[in-house]
N, C-alpha and C. Protein backbone atom coordinates (compact mmCIF):
# COMPACT_ATOMS: atom_id res chain seq x y z
N MET A 1 -82.09 -41.09 18.51
CA MET A 1 -82.00 -41.59 17.13
C MET A 1 -81.55 -43.05 17.15
N ASN A 2 -82.31 -43.89 16.49
CA ASN A 2 -81.97 -45.31 16.46
C ASN A 2 -80.79 -45.57 15.52
N GLU A 3 -79.87 -46.42 15.98
CA GLU A 3 -78.74 -46.80 15.13
C GLU A 3 -79.21 -47.80 14.08
N LYS A 4 -78.57 -47.72 12.91
CA LYS A 4 -78.91 -48.64 11.82
C LYS A 4 -78.42 -50.04 12.16
N VAL A 5 -79.31 -51.02 12.06
CA VAL A 5 -78.95 -52.41 12.33
C VAL A 5 -78.38 -53.04 11.07
N VAL A 6 -77.23 -53.69 11.22
CA VAL A 6 -76.54 -54.30 10.07
C VAL A 6 -76.86 -55.80 10.02
N PHE A 7 -77.34 -56.23 8.87
CA PHE A 7 -77.72 -57.63 8.70
C PHE A 7 -76.83 -58.38 7.69
N ASP A 8 -75.81 -57.71 7.18
CA ASP A 8 -74.99 -58.28 6.10
C ASP A 8 -74.39 -59.63 6.48
N GLN A 9 -73.72 -59.70 7.63
CA GLN A 9 -73.04 -60.94 8.00
C GLN A 9 -74.03 -62.06 8.27
N LEU A 10 -75.13 -61.72 8.93
CA LEU A 10 -76.16 -62.73 9.20
C LEU A 10 -76.73 -63.26 7.89
N SER A 11 -76.96 -62.38 6.93
CA SER A 11 -77.49 -62.81 5.63
C SER A 11 -76.53 -63.77 4.95
N LYS A 12 -75.23 -63.46 5.01
CA LYS A 12 -74.22 -64.32 4.39
C LYS A 12 -74.18 -65.69 5.05
N ASP A 13 -74.24 -65.71 6.38
CA ASP A 13 -74.14 -66.99 7.10
C ASP A 13 -75.38 -67.85 6.90
N VAL A 14 -76.54 -67.21 6.78
CA VAL A 14 -77.76 -67.97 6.52
C VAL A 14 -77.71 -68.56 5.10
N ALA A 15 -77.27 -67.75 4.14
CA ALA A 15 -77.17 -68.23 2.76
C ALA A 15 -76.13 -69.34 2.62
N ASP A 16 -75.13 -69.33 3.48
CA ASP A 16 -74.05 -70.32 3.41
C ASP A 16 -74.49 -71.72 3.83
N GLN A 17 -75.73 -71.85 4.32
CA GLN A 17 -76.22 -73.15 4.78
C GLN A 17 -76.23 -74.19 3.65
N VAL A 18 -76.44 -73.74 2.42
CA VAL A 18 -76.46 -74.67 1.27
C VAL A 18 -75.10 -75.34 1.13
N ARG A 19 -74.04 -74.54 1.20
CA ARG A 19 -72.69 -75.09 1.09
C ARG A 19 -72.36 -75.98 2.28
N VAL A 20 -72.72 -75.52 3.47
CA VAL A 20 -72.39 -76.27 4.69
C VAL A 20 -73.03 -77.65 4.67
N ARG A 21 -74.26 -77.73 4.22
CA ARG A 21 -74.95 -79.03 4.22
C ARG A 21 -74.40 -80.00 3.18
N GLN A 22 -73.54 -79.50 2.30
CA GLN A 22 -72.89 -80.38 1.32
C GLN A 22 -71.54 -80.90 1.82
N THR A 23 -71.13 -80.47 3.01
CA THR A 23 -69.83 -80.89 3.54
C THR A 23 -69.99 -82.13 4.42
N TYR A 24 -68.92 -82.94 4.49
CA TYR A 24 -68.98 -84.13 5.34
C TYR A 24 -69.08 -83.76 6.81
N LYS A 25 -68.63 -82.56 7.17
CA LYS A 25 -68.74 -82.11 8.55
C LYS A 25 -70.21 -82.11 8.99
N TYR A 26 -71.09 -81.74 8.02
CA TYR A 26 -72.52 -81.71 8.33
C TYR A 26 -73.15 -83.08 8.12
N PHE A 27 -73.05 -83.65 6.90
CA PHE A 27 -73.86 -84.84 6.62
C PHE A 27 -73.35 -86.10 7.33
N ASN A 28 -72.11 -86.07 7.83
CA ASN A 28 -71.65 -87.19 8.66
C ASN A 28 -71.65 -86.84 10.15
N GLY A 29 -72.17 -85.66 10.47
CA GLY A 29 -72.19 -85.24 11.86
C GLY A 29 -73.27 -85.97 12.66
N THR A 30 -73.17 -85.88 13.98
CA THR A 30 -74.19 -86.49 14.83
C THR A 30 -75.50 -85.72 14.69
N ASP A 31 -76.59 -86.36 15.04
CA ASP A 31 -77.89 -85.70 14.95
C ASP A 31 -77.93 -84.45 15.82
N ARG A 32 -77.25 -84.51 16.97
CA ARG A 32 -77.25 -83.37 17.88
C ARG A 32 -76.54 -82.17 17.25
N SER A 33 -75.35 -82.41 16.68
CA SER A 33 -74.59 -81.30 16.10
C SER A 33 -75.32 -80.70 14.90
N LYS A 34 -75.94 -81.56 14.09
CA LYS A 34 -76.70 -81.05 12.95
C LYS A 34 -77.96 -80.32 13.42
N GLY A 35 -78.58 -80.83 14.48
CA GLY A 35 -79.78 -80.19 15.00
C GLY A 35 -79.50 -78.79 15.53
N LEU A 36 -78.38 -78.62 16.22
CA LEU A 36 -78.01 -77.29 16.74
C LEU A 36 -77.78 -76.31 15.60
N TYR A 37 -77.12 -76.78 14.55
CA TYR A 37 -76.87 -75.91 13.39
C TYR A 37 -78.18 -75.55 12.71
N ASP A 38 -79.04 -76.54 12.50
CA ASP A 38 -80.32 -76.28 11.84
C ASP A 38 -81.17 -75.29 12.64
N GLU A 39 -81.15 -75.41 13.95
CA GLU A 39 -81.92 -74.51 14.80
C GLU A 39 -81.37 -73.09 14.73
N ALA A 40 -80.05 -72.95 14.71
CA ALA A 40 -79.44 -71.62 14.62
C ALA A 40 -79.79 -70.97 13.27
N ILE A 41 -79.78 -71.76 12.21
CA ILE A 41 -80.16 -71.25 10.89
C ILE A 41 -81.62 -70.80 10.88
N ARG A 42 -82.47 -71.60 11.53
CA ARG A 42 -83.88 -71.23 11.59
C ARG A 42 -84.08 -69.90 12.30
N MET A 43 -83.34 -69.71 13.40
CA MET A 43 -83.41 -68.43 14.13
C MET A 43 -82.95 -67.28 13.24
N GLY A 44 -81.87 -67.51 12.50
CA GLY A 44 -81.36 -66.47 11.60
C GLY A 44 -82.36 -66.12 10.52
N GLU A 45 -83.02 -67.13 9.96
CA GLU A 45 -84.03 -66.90 8.93
C GLU A 45 -85.21 -66.11 9.50
N ASP A 46 -85.59 -66.40 10.74
CA ASP A 46 -86.69 -65.67 11.37
C ASP A 46 -86.35 -64.19 11.54
N VAL A 47 -85.11 -63.92 11.98
CA VAL A 47 -84.67 -62.53 12.17
C VAL A 47 -84.67 -61.78 10.84
N LEU A 48 -84.18 -62.43 9.79
CA LEU A 48 -84.13 -61.79 8.48
C LEU A 48 -85.54 -61.57 7.92
N GLN A 49 -86.46 -62.49 8.20
CA GLN A 49 -87.83 -62.34 7.75
C GLN A 49 -88.50 -61.16 8.45
N GLU A 50 -88.25 -61.02 9.75
CA GLU A 50 -88.81 -59.90 10.51
C GLU A 50 -88.26 -58.58 9.98
N HIS A 51 -86.96 -58.61 9.63
CA HIS A 51 -86.34 -57.40 9.06
C HIS A 51 -87.01 -57.05 7.73
N LYS A 52 -87.30 -58.07 6.93
CA LYS A 52 -87.94 -57.87 5.63
C LYS A 52 -89.33 -57.28 5.81
N GLU A 53 -90.00 -57.67 6.90
CA GLU A 53 -91.36 -57.18 7.17
C GLU A 53 -91.35 -55.85 7.91
N GLY A 54 -90.16 -55.33 8.21
CA GLY A 54 -90.05 -54.02 8.85
C GLY A 54 -90.01 -54.05 10.36
N HIS A 55 -89.78 -55.27 10.95
CA HIS A 55 -89.73 -55.38 12.41
C HIS A 55 -88.31 -55.79 12.81
N ASN A 56 -87.43 -54.80 12.89
CA ASN A 56 -86.02 -55.08 13.15
C ASN A 56 -85.74 -55.42 14.61
N GLU A 57 -84.88 -56.43 14.80
CA GLU A 57 -84.35 -56.75 16.12
C GLU A 57 -83.17 -55.82 16.41
N PRO A 58 -82.82 -55.62 17.69
CA PRO A 58 -81.65 -54.80 18.03
C PRO A 58 -80.39 -55.43 17.46
N GLN A 59 -79.37 -54.64 17.25
CA GLN A 59 -78.10 -55.14 16.69
C GLN A 59 -77.53 -56.24 17.56
N ALA A 60 -77.68 -56.11 18.88
CA ALA A 60 -77.13 -57.13 19.79
C ALA A 60 -77.78 -58.48 19.54
N MET A 61 -79.09 -58.49 19.28
CA MET A 61 -79.79 -59.74 19.01
C MET A 61 -79.35 -60.34 17.67
N VAL A 62 -79.19 -59.48 16.66
CA VAL A 62 -78.73 -59.94 15.33
C VAL A 62 -77.35 -60.58 15.46
N ASP A 63 -76.47 -59.91 16.19
CA ASP A 63 -75.10 -60.43 16.37
C ASP A 63 -75.11 -61.74 17.16
N LEU A 64 -76.00 -61.83 18.15
CA LEU A 64 -76.08 -63.04 18.98
C LEU A 64 -76.52 -64.24 18.14
N VAL A 65 -77.52 -64.04 17.29
CA VAL A 65 -78.00 -65.13 16.43
C VAL A 65 -76.92 -65.53 15.43
N ASP A 66 -76.23 -64.54 14.88
CA ASP A 66 -75.16 -64.84 13.93
C ASP A 66 -74.03 -65.61 14.60
N GLN A 67 -73.74 -65.26 15.85
CA GLN A 67 -72.71 -65.97 16.61
C GLN A 67 -73.13 -67.42 16.87
N ALA A 68 -74.42 -67.62 17.08
CA ALA A 68 -74.93 -68.98 17.30
C ALA A 68 -74.74 -69.83 16.05
N ILE A 69 -74.97 -69.22 14.89
CA ILE A 69 -74.75 -69.95 13.63
C ILE A 69 -73.28 -70.30 13.48
N TYR A 70 -72.42 -69.33 13.76
CA TYR A 70 -70.97 -69.56 13.64
C TYR A 70 -70.52 -70.68 14.58
N ASN A 71 -70.95 -70.61 15.83
CA ASN A 71 -70.51 -71.61 16.82
C ASN A 71 -71.03 -73.01 16.46
N SER A 72 -72.28 -73.09 16.03
CA SER A 72 -72.85 -74.40 15.71
C SER A 72 -72.20 -74.98 14.44
N ARG A 73 -71.81 -74.10 13.54
CA ARG A 73 -71.12 -74.58 12.33
C ARG A 73 -69.75 -75.16 12.70
N LYS A 74 -69.06 -74.50 13.60
CA LYS A 74 -67.76 -74.99 14.05
C LYS A 74 -67.89 -76.29 14.84
N ALA A 75 -69.04 -76.49 15.45
CA ALA A 75 -69.25 -77.68 16.29
C ALA A 75 -69.66 -78.91 15.49
N LEU A 76 -69.93 -78.74 14.19
CA LEU A 76 -70.28 -79.89 13.36
C LEU A 76 -69.13 -80.89 13.38
N ASN A 77 -69.43 -82.14 13.71
CA ASN A 77 -68.35 -83.09 14.02
C ASN A 77 -68.27 -84.29 13.06
N GLY A 78 -68.80 -84.14 11.87
CA GLY A 78 -68.75 -85.25 10.92
C GLY A 78 -67.33 -85.54 10.44
N GLN A 79 -67.03 -86.82 10.26
CA GLN A 79 -65.72 -87.23 9.74
C GLN A 79 -65.84 -87.50 8.24
N GLN A 80 -64.74 -87.38 7.55
CA GLN A 80 -64.74 -87.60 6.10
C GLN A 80 -65.19 -89.02 5.78
N THR A 81 -66.03 -89.15 4.77
CA THR A 81 -66.58 -90.45 4.40
C THR A 81 -65.48 -91.39 3.91
N ASP A 82 -65.47 -92.59 4.46
CA ASP A 82 -64.52 -93.62 4.03
C ASP A 82 -65.16 -94.40 2.88
N LYS A 83 -64.65 -94.19 1.67
CA LYS A 83 -65.20 -94.85 0.49
C LYS A 83 -64.30 -95.96 -0.03
N HIS A 84 -63.37 -96.40 0.80
CA HIS A 84 -62.40 -97.40 0.36
C HIS A 84 -63.09 -98.68 -0.11
N SER A 85 -64.02 -99.19 0.67
CA SER A 85 -64.71 -100.42 0.32
C SER A 85 -65.50 -100.26 -0.98
N LEU A 86 -66.16 -99.10 -1.14
CA LEU A 86 -66.93 -98.84 -2.35
C LEU A 86 -66.01 -98.75 -3.56
N LYS A 87 -64.86 -98.12 -3.40
CA LYS A 87 -63.90 -98.01 -4.50
C LYS A 87 -63.44 -99.39 -4.96
N ILE A 88 -63.17 -100.29 -4.00
CA ILE A 88 -62.72 -101.64 -4.34
C ILE A 88 -63.80 -102.38 -5.14
N GLN A 89 -65.05 -102.30 -4.67
CA GLN A 89 -66.15 -102.98 -5.34
C GLN A 89 -66.36 -102.43 -6.76
N LEU A 90 -66.24 -101.12 -6.92
CA LEU A 90 -66.43 -100.51 -8.23
C LEU A 90 -65.27 -100.85 -9.16
N SER A 91 -64.07 -100.99 -8.61
CA SER A 91 -62.92 -101.39 -9.43
C SER A 91 -63.14 -102.79 -10.00
N GLN A 92 -63.61 -103.70 -9.15
CA GLN A 92 -63.89 -105.06 -9.60
C GLN A 92 -65.03 -105.07 -10.62
N ALA A 93 -66.03 -104.25 -10.36
CA ALA A 93 -67.16 -104.17 -11.29
C ALA A 93 -66.73 -103.62 -12.64
N GLY A 94 -65.83 -102.65 -12.62
CA GLY A 94 -65.32 -102.08 -13.87
C GLY A 94 -64.59 -103.12 -14.71
N GLN A 95 -63.77 -103.94 -14.06
CA GLN A 95 -63.07 -105.01 -14.77
C GLN A 95 -64.06 -106.02 -15.33
N PHE A 96 -65.09 -106.31 -14.56
CA PHE A 96 -66.10 -107.27 -14.99
C PHE A 96 -66.85 -106.77 -16.23
N LEU A 97 -67.20 -105.48 -16.23
CA LEU A 97 -67.93 -104.90 -17.35
C LEU A 97 -67.12 -104.90 -18.64
N ARG A 98 -65.81 -105.00 -18.54
CA ARG A 98 -64.95 -105.03 -19.73
C ARG A 98 -64.58 -106.46 -20.15
N SER A 99 -65.09 -107.44 -19.44
CA SER A 99 -64.71 -108.82 -19.70
C SER A 99 -65.66 -109.52 -20.67
N GLN A 100 -65.19 -110.63 -21.26
CA GLN A 100 -66.03 -111.43 -22.14
C GLN A 100 -67.15 -112.11 -21.33
N GLU A 101 -66.87 -112.35 -20.08
CA GLU A 101 -67.87 -112.96 -19.20
C GLU A 101 -69.11 -112.07 -19.13
N PHE A 102 -68.89 -110.76 -19.09
CA PHE A 102 -70.02 -109.82 -19.02
C PHE A 102 -70.78 -109.79 -20.34
N THR A 103 -70.05 -109.72 -21.46
CA THR A 103 -70.71 -109.65 -22.76
C THR A 103 -71.45 -110.94 -23.09
N GLY A 104 -71.16 -112.01 -22.36
CA GLY A 104 -71.86 -113.27 -22.57
C GLY A 104 -73.16 -113.37 -21.80
N LEU A 105 -73.46 -112.37 -20.98
CA LEU A 105 -74.71 -112.38 -20.21
C LEU A 105 -75.89 -111.93 -21.08
N PRO A 106 -77.12 -112.24 -20.65
CA PRO A 106 -78.29 -111.74 -21.38
C PRO A 106 -78.30 -110.22 -21.44
N ILE A 107 -78.88 -109.67 -22.50
CA ILE A 107 -78.87 -108.22 -22.73
C ILE A 107 -79.48 -107.46 -21.55
N LYS A 108 -80.62 -107.94 -21.03
CA LYS A 108 -81.27 -107.24 -19.92
C LYS A 108 -80.38 -107.24 -18.67
N THR A 109 -79.65 -108.33 -18.45
CA THR A 109 -78.75 -108.40 -17.30
C THR A 109 -77.60 -107.41 -17.48
N GLN A 110 -77.07 -107.30 -18.69
CA GLN A 110 -76.01 -106.33 -18.96
C GLN A 110 -76.50 -104.91 -18.70
N GLN A 111 -77.70 -104.61 -19.18
CA GLN A 111 -78.25 -103.27 -18.99
C GLN A 111 -78.46 -102.96 -17.52
N TYR A 112 -78.90 -103.96 -16.74
CA TYR A 112 -79.09 -103.77 -15.30
C TYR A 112 -77.75 -103.44 -14.64
N TRP A 113 -76.73 -104.22 -14.95
CA TRP A 113 -75.40 -103.97 -14.37
C TRP A 113 -74.89 -102.58 -14.73
N GLU A 114 -74.98 -102.22 -15.98
CA GLU A 114 -74.47 -100.91 -16.42
C GLU A 114 -75.19 -99.78 -15.70
N ARG A 115 -76.50 -99.91 -15.55
CA ARG A 115 -77.29 -98.87 -14.87
C ARG A 115 -76.93 -98.76 -13.40
N GLU A 116 -76.84 -99.90 -12.71
CA GLU A 116 -76.56 -99.89 -11.27
C GLU A 116 -75.13 -99.45 -10.96
N ILE A 117 -74.19 -99.87 -11.78
CA ILE A 117 -72.79 -99.48 -11.55
C ILE A 117 -72.60 -98.00 -11.82
N ALA A 118 -73.28 -97.47 -12.82
CA ALA A 118 -73.21 -96.03 -13.09
C ALA A 118 -73.76 -95.24 -11.90
N ALA A 119 -74.87 -95.71 -11.32
CA ALA A 119 -75.45 -95.04 -10.14
C ALA A 119 -74.51 -95.12 -8.95
N ALA A 120 -73.87 -96.27 -8.77
CA ALA A 120 -72.93 -96.44 -7.66
C ALA A 120 -71.71 -95.54 -7.84
N HIS A 121 -71.27 -95.39 -9.09
CA HIS A 121 -70.13 -94.50 -9.37
C HIS A 121 -70.48 -93.06 -9.04
N ASN A 122 -71.69 -92.64 -9.36
CA ASN A 122 -72.11 -91.27 -9.04
C ASN A 122 -72.09 -91.03 -7.53
N ILE A 123 -72.48 -92.04 -6.77
CA ILE A 123 -72.45 -91.93 -5.31
C ILE A 123 -71.00 -91.86 -4.82
N GLU A 124 -70.14 -92.63 -5.45
CA GLU A 124 -68.72 -92.67 -5.03
C GLU A 124 -68.03 -91.33 -5.24
N VAL A 125 -68.36 -90.62 -6.34
CA VAL A 125 -67.67 -89.36 -6.65
C VAL A 125 -68.38 -88.15 -6.04
N ALA A 126 -69.61 -88.33 -5.55
CA ALA A 126 -70.35 -87.18 -4.99
C ALA A 126 -69.68 -86.65 -3.73
N SER A 127 -69.73 -85.34 -3.57
CA SER A 127 -69.08 -84.72 -2.41
C SER A 127 -69.91 -84.88 -1.14
N ASN A 128 -71.20 -85.16 -1.29
CA ASN A 128 -72.07 -85.22 -0.11
C ASN A 128 -72.56 -86.64 0.17
N THR A 129 -71.72 -87.64 -0.12
CA THR A 129 -72.08 -89.03 0.19
C THR A 129 -71.77 -89.30 1.66
N ASP A 130 -72.81 -89.62 2.44
CA ASP A 130 -72.54 -89.90 3.85
C ASP A 130 -72.06 -91.34 4.00
N GLN A 131 -71.56 -91.65 5.19
CA GLN A 131 -70.95 -92.96 5.42
C GLN A 131 -71.96 -94.09 5.25
N ALA A 132 -73.17 -93.88 5.71
CA ALA A 132 -74.18 -94.93 5.61
C ALA A 132 -74.48 -95.27 4.15
N LEU A 133 -74.58 -94.25 3.31
CA LEU A 133 -74.88 -94.47 1.89
C LEU A 133 -73.70 -95.14 1.18
N ALA A 134 -72.48 -94.73 1.52
CA ALA A 134 -71.29 -95.34 0.91
C ALA A 134 -71.22 -96.83 1.26
N ASN A 135 -71.47 -97.15 2.53
CA ASN A 135 -71.44 -98.56 2.97
C ASN A 135 -72.54 -99.37 2.29
N LYS A 136 -73.73 -98.80 2.25
CA LYS A 136 -74.88 -99.48 1.65
C LYS A 136 -74.63 -99.77 0.17
N THR A 137 -74.03 -98.81 -0.53
CA THR A 137 -73.77 -98.99 -1.96
C THR A 137 -72.70 -100.05 -2.21
N ALA A 138 -71.67 -100.07 -1.37
CA ALA A 138 -70.62 -101.09 -1.50
C ALA A 138 -71.20 -102.49 -1.30
N ILE A 139 -72.08 -102.61 -0.32
CA ILE A 139 -72.73 -103.91 -0.06
C ILE A 139 -73.61 -104.32 -1.23
N LYS A 140 -74.30 -103.35 -1.82
CA LYS A 140 -75.19 -103.65 -2.95
C LYS A 140 -74.40 -104.19 -4.14
N VAL A 141 -73.26 -103.57 -4.45
CA VAL A 141 -72.44 -104.03 -5.58
C VAL A 141 -71.91 -105.44 -5.30
N ALA A 142 -71.46 -105.68 -4.06
CA ALA A 142 -70.97 -107.01 -3.70
C ALA A 142 -72.09 -108.05 -3.82
N THR A 143 -73.29 -107.66 -3.43
CA THR A 143 -74.44 -108.57 -3.50
C THR A 143 -74.79 -108.89 -4.95
N MET A 144 -74.59 -107.93 -5.85
CA MET A 144 -74.85 -108.17 -7.27
C MET A 144 -73.96 -109.29 -7.79
N PHE A 145 -72.70 -109.29 -7.36
CA PHE A 145 -71.78 -110.36 -7.77
C PHE A 145 -72.25 -111.71 -7.22
N ASP A 146 -72.62 -111.72 -5.95
CA ASP A 146 -73.07 -112.98 -5.33
C ASP A 146 -74.31 -113.52 -6.02
N THR A 147 -75.26 -112.64 -6.31
CA THR A 147 -76.50 -113.05 -6.96
C THR A 147 -76.23 -113.60 -8.36
N MET A 148 -75.32 -112.93 -9.06
CA MET A 148 -75.01 -113.39 -10.41
C MET A 148 -74.39 -114.79 -10.40
N GLU A 149 -73.53 -115.06 -9.42
CA GLU A 149 -72.91 -116.38 -9.31
C GLU A 149 -73.97 -117.46 -9.06
N GLN A 150 -74.93 -117.15 -8.24
CA GLN A 150 -76.00 -118.11 -7.93
C GLN A 150 -76.89 -118.36 -9.15
N MET A 151 -77.09 -117.33 -9.96
CA MET A 151 -77.99 -117.44 -11.10
C MET A 151 -77.25 -117.75 -12.40
N ARG A 152 -75.96 -118.00 -12.33
CA ARG A 152 -75.16 -118.18 -13.55
C ARG A 152 -75.73 -119.24 -14.50
N PRO A 153 -76.09 -120.46 -14.02
CA PRO A 153 -76.63 -121.47 -14.95
C PRO A 153 -77.84 -120.96 -15.72
N GLN A 154 -78.75 -120.31 -14.99
CA GLN A 154 -79.97 -119.79 -15.63
C GLN A 154 -79.63 -118.66 -16.61
N LEU A 155 -78.70 -117.79 -16.21
CA LEU A 155 -78.31 -116.68 -17.07
C LEU A 155 -77.65 -117.18 -18.35
N MET A 156 -76.84 -118.23 -18.23
CA MET A 156 -76.18 -118.78 -19.41
C MET A 156 -77.20 -119.37 -20.38
N LYS A 157 -78.23 -120.01 -19.85
CA LYS A 157 -79.29 -120.57 -20.70
C LYS A 157 -80.01 -119.45 -21.44
N GLU A 158 -80.31 -118.38 -20.72
CA GLU A 158 -80.99 -117.24 -21.35
C GLU A 158 -80.12 -116.61 -22.43
N ALA A 159 -78.83 -116.49 -22.13
CA ALA A 159 -77.90 -115.91 -23.09
C ALA A 159 -77.81 -116.76 -24.35
N GLU A 160 -77.81 -118.09 -24.18
CA GLU A 160 -77.73 -119.01 -25.32
C GLU A 160 -78.99 -118.89 -26.19
N LYS A 161 -80.15 -118.76 -25.55
CA LYS A 161 -81.39 -118.57 -26.30
C LYS A 161 -81.35 -117.27 -27.10
N GLU A 162 -80.83 -116.22 -26.48
CA GLU A 162 -80.72 -114.94 -27.18
C GLU A 162 -79.77 -115.06 -28.37
N ARG A 163 -78.66 -115.78 -28.16
CA ARG A 163 -77.68 -115.96 -29.24
C ARG A 163 -78.30 -116.71 -30.41
N GLN A 164 -79.02 -117.78 -30.12
CA GLN A 164 -79.65 -118.56 -31.17
C GLN A 164 -80.70 -117.73 -31.92
N LYS A 165 -81.43 -116.92 -31.18
CA LYS A 165 -82.45 -116.07 -31.79
C LYS A 165 -81.79 -115.05 -32.71
N ARG A 166 -80.68 -114.44 -32.24
CA ARG A 166 -79.98 -113.45 -33.07
C ARG A 166 -79.44 -114.11 -34.34
N GLU A 167 -78.87 -115.31 -34.19
CA GLU A 167 -78.31 -116.02 -35.34
C GLU A 167 -79.40 -116.38 -36.34
N ALA A 168 -80.57 -116.78 -35.85
CA ALA A 168 -81.68 -117.10 -36.74
C ALA A 168 -82.13 -115.88 -37.53
N ILE A 169 -82.18 -114.73 -36.85
CA ILE A 169 -82.57 -113.49 -37.52
C ILE A 169 -81.54 -113.10 -38.57
N LEU A 170 -80.26 -113.22 -38.22
CA LEU A 170 -79.19 -112.89 -39.17
C LEU A 170 -79.21 -113.82 -40.37
N ALA A 171 -79.46 -115.11 -40.10
CA ALA A 171 -79.51 -116.08 -41.20
C ALA A 171 -80.66 -115.75 -42.15
N LYS A 172 -81.79 -115.38 -41.58
CA LYS A 172 -82.95 -115.02 -42.39
C LYS A 172 -82.66 -113.78 -43.22
N GLN A 173 -82.02 -112.80 -42.61
CA GLN A 173 -81.68 -111.57 -43.33
C GLN A 173 -80.68 -111.85 -44.45
N LYS A 174 -79.72 -112.74 -44.16
CA LYS A 174 -78.72 -113.10 -45.15
C LYS A 174 -79.36 -113.81 -46.34
N ALA A 175 -80.31 -114.75 -46.05
CA ALA A 175 -81.00 -115.48 -47.11
C ALA A 175 -81.80 -114.54 -47.99
N LEU A 176 -82.47 -113.57 -47.37
CA LEU A 176 -83.25 -112.60 -48.13
C LEU A 176 -82.35 -111.74 -49.01
N ALA A 177 -81.17 -111.36 -48.45
CA ALA A 177 -80.23 -110.54 -49.21
C ALA A 177 -79.68 -111.31 -50.40
N GLU A 178 -79.36 -112.61 -50.19
CA GLU A 178 -78.83 -113.45 -51.26
C GLU A 178 -79.89 -113.67 -52.34
N LYS A 179 -81.13 -113.85 -51.93
CA LYS A 179 -82.22 -114.03 -52.88
C LYS A 179 -82.41 -112.79 -53.73
N ALA A 180 -82.33 -111.63 -53.09
CA ALA A 180 -82.48 -110.37 -53.82
C ALA A 180 -81.34 -110.18 -54.81
N ALA A 181 -80.11 -110.54 -54.38
CA ALA A 181 -78.95 -110.40 -55.25
C ALA A 181 -79.07 -111.35 -56.44
N LYS A 182 -79.59 -112.57 -56.21
CA LYS A 182 -79.77 -113.56 -57.28
C LYS A 182 -80.79 -113.08 -58.30
N GLU A 183 -81.85 -112.47 -57.81
CA GLU A 183 -82.87 -111.92 -58.71
C GLU A 183 -82.29 -110.80 -59.56
N ASP A 184 -81.44 -109.99 -58.95
CA ASP A 184 -80.80 -108.89 -59.68
C ASP A 184 -79.92 -109.44 -60.79
N ARG A 185 -79.17 -110.53 -60.49
CA ARG A 185 -78.28 -111.12 -61.50
C ARG A 185 -79.09 -111.71 -62.66
N LYS A 186 -80.25 -112.32 -62.35
CA LYS A 186 -81.10 -112.87 -63.40
C LYS A 186 -81.58 -111.77 -64.32
N GLU A 187 -81.95 -110.66 -63.74
CA GLU A 187 -82.44 -109.54 -64.54
C GLU A 187 -81.35 -109.02 -65.47
N GLU A 188 -80.11 -109.01 -64.95
CA GLU A 188 -79.00 -108.51 -65.75
C GLU A 188 -78.68 -109.44 -66.92
N LYS A 189 -78.86 -110.77 -66.72
CA LYS A 189 -78.52 -111.76 -67.75
C LYS A 189 -79.60 -111.89 -68.83
N LYS A 190 -80.79 -111.43 -68.62
CA LYS A 190 -81.86 -111.53 -69.60
C LYS A 190 -81.49 -110.75 -70.85
N PRO A 191 -81.62 -111.40 -72.08
CA PRO A 191 -81.29 -110.68 -73.33
C PRO A 191 -82.24 -109.53 -73.56
N LYS A 192 -81.69 -108.46 -74.04
CA LYS A 192 -82.52 -107.30 -74.32
C LYS A 192 -83.23 -107.48 -75.64
N LYS A 193 -84.49 -107.15 -75.72
CA LYS A 193 -85.28 -107.27 -76.94
C LYS A 193 -84.81 -106.25 -77.96
N LYS A 194 -84.63 -106.74 -79.20
CA LYS A 194 -84.19 -105.85 -80.27
C LYS A 194 -85.26 -105.82 -81.36
N SER A 195 -85.47 -104.73 -81.94
CA SER A 195 -86.48 -104.59 -82.98
C SER A 195 -85.86 -103.97 -84.22
N GLY A 196 -86.45 -104.35 -85.45
CA GLY A 196 -85.96 -103.77 -86.71
C GLY A 196 -84.71 -104.46 -87.21
N GLY A 197 -84.34 -104.26 -88.50
CA GLY A 197 -83.12 -104.82 -89.07
C GLY A 197 -83.26 -106.30 -89.40
N HIS A 198 -82.26 -106.86 -90.04
CA HIS A 198 -82.28 -108.27 -90.45
C HIS A 198 -82.28 -109.19 -89.25
N ARG A 199 -81.55 -108.83 -88.18
CA ARG A 199 -81.50 -109.70 -86.99
C ARG A 199 -82.87 -109.86 -86.38
N GLY A 200 -83.62 -108.82 -86.35
CA GLY A 200 -84.98 -108.91 -85.83
C GLY A 200 -85.87 -109.73 -86.75
N PHE A 201 -85.64 -109.62 -88.05
CA PHE A 201 -86.44 -110.37 -89.01
C PHE A 201 -86.19 -111.86 -88.90
N TRP A 202 -84.91 -112.28 -88.85
CA TRP A 202 -84.58 -113.70 -88.75
C TRP A 202 -85.05 -114.27 -87.40
N SER A 203 -84.99 -113.50 -86.40
CA SER A 203 -85.52 -113.96 -85.10
C SER A 203 -87.01 -114.21 -85.20
N PHE A 204 -87.67 -113.36 -85.93
CA PHE A 204 -89.11 -113.51 -86.13
C PHE A 204 -89.43 -114.79 -86.88
N LEU A 205 -88.65 -115.08 -87.95
CA LEU A 205 -88.84 -116.30 -88.73
C LEU A 205 -88.55 -117.53 -87.90
N GLY A 206 -87.47 -117.48 -87.15
CA GLY A 206 -87.10 -118.61 -86.30
C GLY A 206 -88.18 -118.93 -85.30
N PHE A 207 -88.84 -117.94 -84.79
CA PHE A 207 -89.92 -118.14 -83.82
C PHE A 207 -91.07 -118.92 -84.46
N HIS A 208 -91.43 -118.54 -85.71
CA HIS A 208 -92.54 -119.20 -86.38
C HIS A 208 -92.18 -120.60 -86.81
N LYS A 209 -90.94 -120.86 -87.14
CA LYS A 209 -90.50 -122.22 -87.50
C LYS A 209 -90.66 -123.17 -86.30
N LYS A 210 -90.34 -122.70 -85.17
CA LYS A 210 -90.48 -123.52 -83.95
C LYS A 210 -91.94 -123.83 -83.65
N LYS A 211 -92.82 -122.96 -84.07
CA LYS A 211 -94.24 -123.15 -83.82
C LYS A 211 -94.81 -124.26 -84.65
N LYS A 212 -94.19 -124.54 -85.85
CA LYS A 212 -94.69 -125.58 -86.76
C LYS A 212 -94.41 -126.95 -86.22
């Protein structure tokens, strides 16, 4: 009589690969350590697929594959991501975004900064940010500052043009509003026509006297 093969632990360890790949132990690990883990997971998935198709491996083989997954997971050697440089750059960027200097930039430039800094912040707080991405993002934010300094004269000219355009639009809107208000006041001051009675009669006579 064949003994029942237990796949519970192997199933759990294979399913746990999603969590493991989100840890710095995995995503900052060497290619070799990650490769060994990936290969062990692949073997585990193959065994579970064969079981699903009705071709069970012996319990010893199932346990051996599960042990390989366990050992390779323990061997993952990634170090925790150092985000210190990225944090410093984002702190400076945050202060800049709250400054008058930032609000004086052209609208499109402001929108670009807000979009890129938001993306960099998401990378900074993500649990699966590897060291290469953290370093690359910190450099990108620093480069944004350098580029802005180089383009400052041009950006200021663009901002001034935008300001003048906005002021012209506001002035036009104000003039139209004042004109409308003036027309309303004229309508209110116009005497209302009255008909009948002696006052209407004398007004009628006065009109004809002026005609003579």
